[in-house]
């Protein structure tokens, strides 16, 4: 957990890109949507805890991803990652 490697298959994730001197990654589009919603939010809320979880997902995000100064670059990177996903049709 916490790295751009699939935990089940031990393979690099497809949705990953260099961003702010780090690697921005997501498991899938739903995960990318969650990151995008959090980064662009003006009021960042803690989010709901999963049963038995000590912290919410957003509390575990790295500091660089939460920093307002990185917001524009992170959103550009998310848009770039989203553009790599093939559309159905």
Protein backbone atom coordinates (compact mmCIF):
# COMPACT_ATOMS: atom_id res chain seq x y z
CA UNK A 1 0.00 0.00 0.00
CA UNK A 2 1.08 3.55 -0.63
CA UNK A 3 3.08 2.97 -3.79
CA UNK A 4 2.26 2.85 -7.52
CA UNK A 5 2.22 -0.97 -7.53
CA UNK A 6 -0.92 -3.11 -7.73
CA UNK A 7 -1.10 -4.90 -4.35
CA UNK A 8 -2.56 -8.09 -5.85
CA UNK A 9 -0.52 -8.50 -9.02
CA UNK A 10 2.66 -6.65 -7.99
CA UNK A 11 2.70 -4.77 -11.31
CA UNK A 12 3.11 -1.02 -11.87
CA UNK A 13 -0.15 0.90 -12.05
CA UNK A 14 -1.20 2.32 -15.40
CA UNK A 15 -2.49 5.57 -13.89
CA UNK A 16 0.72 7.17 -12.66
CA UNK A 17 2.65 10.28 -13.61
CA UNK A 18 5.37 12.53 -12.29
CA UNK A 19 3.90 15.49 -10.40
CA UNK A 20 5.45 18.07 -8.07
CA UNK A 21 8.63 16.00 -7.77
CA UNK A 22 6.64 12.91 -6.73
CA UNK A 23 4.53 10.22 -8.36
CA UNK A 24 0.79 10.83 -8.55
CA UNK A 25 -1.00 7.50 -8.96
CA UNK A 26 -4.48 6.02 -8.82
CA UNK A 27 -5.80 2.47 -8.91
CA UNK A 28 -8.68 3.31 -11.24
CA UNK A 29 -10.94 6.15 -12.45
CA UNK A 30 -12.98 6.11 -9.24
CA UNK A 31 -9.79 6.64 -7.22
CA UNK A 32 -8.73 9.40 -9.64
CA UNK A 33 -12.16 11.05 -9.22
CA UNK A 34 -11.75 11.00 -5.44
CA UNK A 35 -8.29 12.60 -5.63
CA UNK A 36 -9.54 15.24 -8.06
CA UNK A 37 -12.56 16.10 -5.88
CA UNK A 38 -10.36 16.43 -2.81
CA UNK A 39 -7.68 18.55 -4.49
CA UNK A 40 -10.12 20.98 -6.09
CA UNK A 41 -12.33 21.34 -3.00
CA UNK A 42 -12.24 24.74 -1.31
CA UNK A 43 -13.27 23.16 2.00
CA UNK A 44 -11.50 19.86 2.52
CA UNK A 45 -13.45 17.59 4.79
CA UNK A 46 -12.14 14.53 6.53
CA UNK A 47 -14.46 12.08 4.81
CA UNK A 48 -16.14 9.02 6.24
CA UNK A 49 -14.23 6.25 7.94
CA UNK A 50 -14.56 2.67 6.88
CA UNK A 51 -15.71 0.41 9.74
CA UNK A 52 -12.72 -0.27 11.98
CA UNK A 53 -10.41 2.11 10.10
CA UNK A 54 -8.30 4.45 12.25
CA UNK A 55 -8.03 7.14 9.51
CA UNK A 56 -9.94 8.17 6.41
CA UNK A 57 -8.34 7.85 2.99
CA UNK A 58 -7.78 11.59 2.64
CA UNK A 59 -6.01 11.75 5.99
CA UNK A 60 -3.43 9.34 4.60
CA UNK A 61 -2.70 11.37 1.48
CA UNK A 62 0.87 12.67 1.29
CA UNK A 63 1.49 16.27 2.35
CA UNK A 64 2.57 17.37 -1.13
CA UNK A 65 -0.79 16.25 -2.52
CA UNK A 66 -2.68 18.19 0.15
CA UNK A 67 -0.65 21.41 -0.27
CA UNK A 68 -2.64 24.24 -1.86
CA UNK A 69 0.47 25.46 -3.70
CA UNK A 70 0.45 22.22 -5.75
CA UNK A 71 -3.26 22.32 -6.62
CA UNK A 72 -2.94 23.55 -10.24
CA UNK A 73 -0.18 21.10 -11.18
CA UNK A 74 -1.96 18.17 -9.55
CA UNK A 75 -5.21 18.95 -11.39
CA UNK A 76 -3.32 19.21 -14.71
CA UNK A 77 -1.70 15.84 -14.02
CA UNK A 78 -5.05 14.24 -13.15
CA UNK A 79 -6.49 15.58 -16.42
CA UNK A 80 -3.50 14.14 -18.31
CA UNK A 81 -3.94 10.75 -16.61
CA UNK A 82 -7.67 10.73 -17.36
CA UNK A 83 -6.92 11.36 -21.05
CA UNK A 84 -4.93 8.10 -21.21
CA UNK A 85 -7.96 5.97 -20.34
CA UNK A 86 -9.71 4.59 -23.43
CA UNK A 87 -13.38 5.48 -23.76
CA UNK A 88 -16.00 2.86 -24.41
CA UNK A 89 -17.77 3.08 -27.73
